[in-house]
């Protein structure tokens, strides 16, 4: 793995890894999160809508999330080598900043139930650890070198 940061490689790995993130996010949201939010916030009109504007915001969220995960994999791989330990640490740190912070804030504001965290947090941790593993594997393959 190269020690200097390669922006083209980063973008390519982010795009490939984002396929997994998007599939996982959509599954978790539609199967577990949306029904729970619609139940706990039933008094609010149009809670958890699904339209093109929401999908655009969701796409931005997923891109930001994936970019952070891929960058964290690169950082941890520089320090500890490109291995399972680095992928686990990168996925877990990203999960803490994106999902734990978000969901604890949502529950604290009364916008979600504590029971939802028992489903959303473990599934999102698995999502980010797998995404980190994908990114680590792609870095190990030196994806850009094979395409250039």
Protein backbone atom coordinates (compact mmCIF):
# COMPACT_ATOMS: atom_id res chain seq x y z
CA UNK A 1 0.00 0.00 0.00
CA UNK A 2 1.35 3.40 -1.01
CA UNK A 3 2.35 5.69 1.84
CA UNK A 4 1.32 8.85 -0.01
CA UNK A 5 -2.35 9.65 -0.32
CA UNK A 6 -3.62 9.11 -3.87
CA UNK A 7 -6.76 11.17 -4.51
CA UNK A 8 -7.79 9.25 -7.66
CA UNK A 9 -7.44 5.93 -5.85
CA UNK A 10 -9.40 7.32 -2.89
CA UNK A 11 -12.26 8.46 -5.14
CA UNK A 12 -12.40 5.14 -6.98
CA UNK A 13 -12.36 3.10 -3.76
CA UNK A 14 -15.00 5.41 -2.26
CA UNK A 15 -17.27 4.89 -5.27
CA UNK A 16 -16.90 1.11 -5.19
CA UNK A 17 -17.34 0.90 -1.41
CA UNK A 18 -20.39 3.17 -1.60
CA UNK A 19 -22.27 0.41 -3.42
CA UNK A 20 -22.20 -1.67 -0.23
CA UNK A 21 -23.00 1.33 1.99
CA UNK A 22 -26.03 2.28 -0.12
CA UNK A 23 -27.45 -1.25 -0.19
CA UNK A 24 -26.95 -1.65 3.55
CA UNK A 25 -28.40 1.78 4.39
CA UNK A 26 -31.50 1.23 2.25
CA UNK A 27 -32.12 -2.24 3.74
CA UNK A 28 -31.66 -1.13 7.35
CA UNK A 29 -33.76 2.00 6.88
CA UNK A 30 -36.74 0.43 5.11
CA UNK A 31 -36.86 -2.75 7.19
CA UNK A 32 -36.09 -1.44 10.69
CA UNK A 33 -35.71 2.32 11.05
CA UNK A 34 -38.54 3.82 8.98
CA UNK A 35 -41.33 1.73 10.56
CA UNK A 36 -40.04 2.57 14.05
CA UNK A 37 -39.72 6.29 13.30
CA UNK A 38 -43.17 6.44 11.76
CA UNK A 39 -44.59 4.79 14.87
CA UNK A 40 -42.73 6.89 17.44
CA UNK A 41 -43.36 10.15 15.56
CA UNK A 42 -46.88 9.38 14.37
CA UNK A 43 -48.14 12.79 15.50
CA UNK A 44 -45.92 14.57 12.96
CA UNK A 45 -47.19 14.86 9.41
CA UNK A 46 -45.08 13.34 6.62
CA UNK A 47 -42.52 11.65 8.89
CA UNK A 48 -39.77 9.75 7.07
CA UNK A 49 -40.95 10.64 3.56
CA UNK A 50 -39.49 8.98 0.51
CA UNK A 51 -39.11 11.30 -2.48
CA UNK A 52 -36.34 12.43 -4.85
CA UNK A 53 -35.23 15.24 -2.56
CA UNK A 54 -34.77 12.82 0.32
CA UNK A 55 -32.87 10.40 -1.92
CA UNK A 56 -30.54 13.25 -2.98
CA UNK A 57 -29.81 14.10 0.66
CA UNK A 58 -29.38 10.41 1.43
CA UNK A 59 -26.91 10.12 -1.44
CA UNK A 60 -24.87 12.99 0.00
CA UNK A 61 -24.96 11.41 3.46
CA UNK A 62 -23.83 8.04 2.09
CA UNK A 63 -21.02 9.66 0.08
CA UNK A 64 -19.77 11.55 3.14
CA UNK A 65 -20.02 8.38 5.24
CA UNK A 66 -18.19 6.27 2.66
CA UNK A 67 -15.47 8.87 2.13
CA UNK A 68 -14.78 8.99 5.87
CA UNK A 69 -14.64 5.21 6.14
CA UNK A 70 -12.26 4.88 3.18
CA UNK A 71 -10.02 7.67 4.52
CA UNK A 72 -9.99 6.10 7.98
CA UNK A 73 -8.96 2.76 6.45
CA UNK A 74 -6.09 4.50 4.68
CA UNK A 75 -5.01 6.26 7.92
CA UNK A 76 -5.15 3.14 10.09
CA UNK A 77 -3.41 1.09 7.39
CA UNK A 78 -0.55 3.58 7.37
CA UNK A 79 -0.08 3.14 11.11
CA UNK A 80 -0.91 -0.55 11.66
CA UNK A 81 -0.68 -2.11 8.21
CA UNK A 82 -3.49 -3.09 5.88
CA UNK A 83 -5.06 -5.86 7.95
CA UNK A 84 -8.18 -6.88 9.85
CA UNK A 85 -7.17 -4.80 12.88
CA UNK A 86 -7.03 -1.63 10.79
CA UNK A 87 -10.38 -2.38 9.14
CA UNK A 88 -12.03 -3.04 12.53
CA UNK A 89 -10.61 0.15 14.05
CA UNK A 90 -11.51 2.29 11.03
CA UNK A 91 -15.04 0.88 10.90
CA UNK A 92 -15.59 1.25 14.63
CA UNK A 93 -14.27 4.83 14.89
CA UNK A 94 -16.37 5.85 11.87
CA UNK A 95 -19.40 4.14 13.42
CA UNK A 96 -18.93 6.01 16.70
CA UNK A 97 -18.81 9.39 14.95
CA UNK A 98 -21.60 8.80 12.46
CA UNK A 99 -24.11 6.46 14.01
CA UNK A 100 -23.68 6.41 17.78
CA UNK A 101 -23.54 10.19 17.96
CA UNK A 102 -26.56 10.55 15.66
CA UNK A 103 -28.80 7.93 17.26
CA UNK A 104 -28.03 8.87 20.86
CA UNK A 105 -28.84 12.47 19.91
CA UNK A 106 -32.11 11.38 18.26
CA UNK A 107 -33.16 9.42 21.35
CA UNK A 108 -32.05 12.21 23.68
CA UNK A 109 -34.30 14.67 21.79
CA UNK A 110 -37.22 12.24 21.99
CA UNK A 111 -37.21 11.64 18.22
CA UNK A 112 -36.54 7.89 18.45
CA UNK A 113 -37.02 5.10 20.97
CA UNK A 114 -34.19 3.43 22.90
CA UNK A 115 -35.33 0.08 21.54
CA UNK A 116 -34.45 1.23 18.01
CA UNK A 117 -30.81 1.62 19.06
CA UNK A 118 -30.68 -2.10 19.82
CA UNK A 119 -31.29 -2.75 16.12
CA UNK A 120 -29.86 0.29 14.34
CA UNK A 121 -26.50 0.47 16.10
CA UNK A 122 -25.35 -3.16 15.73
CA UNK A 123 -26.45 -3.28 12.09
CA UNK A 124 -24.72 0.00 11.30
CA UNK A 125 -21.52 -1.23 13.00
CA UNK A 126 -21.55 -4.36 10.83
CA UNK A 127 -22.15 -2.14 7.78
CA UNK A 128 -19.11 0.01 8.49
CA UNK A 129 -16.81 -2.85 9.40
CA UNK A 130 -17.71 -4.61 6.15
CA UNK A 131 -17.24 -1.33 4.25
CA UNK A 132 -13.82 -0.95 5.89
CA UNK A 133 -12.95 -4.50 4.90
CA UNK A 134 -13.97 -3.77 1.29
CA UNK A 135 -11.88 -0.59 1.24
CA UNK A 136 -8.89 -2.36 2.80
CA UNK A 137 -9.12 -5.13 0.20
CA UNK A 138 -9.33 -2.58 -2.63
CA UNK A 139 -6.32 -0.69 -1.25
CA UNK A 140 -4.43 -3.98 -1.02
CA UNK A 141 -5.27 -4.73 -4.65
CA UNK A 142 -3.96 -1.26 -5.57
CA UNK A 143 -7.10 -0.69 -7.60
CA UNK A 144 -5.87 2.37 -9.44
CA UNK A 145 -2.73 0.59 -10.63
CA UNK A 146 -4.83 -2.10 -12.31
CA UNK A 147 -6.97 0.46 -14.14
CA UNK A 148 -4.26 2.93 -15.22
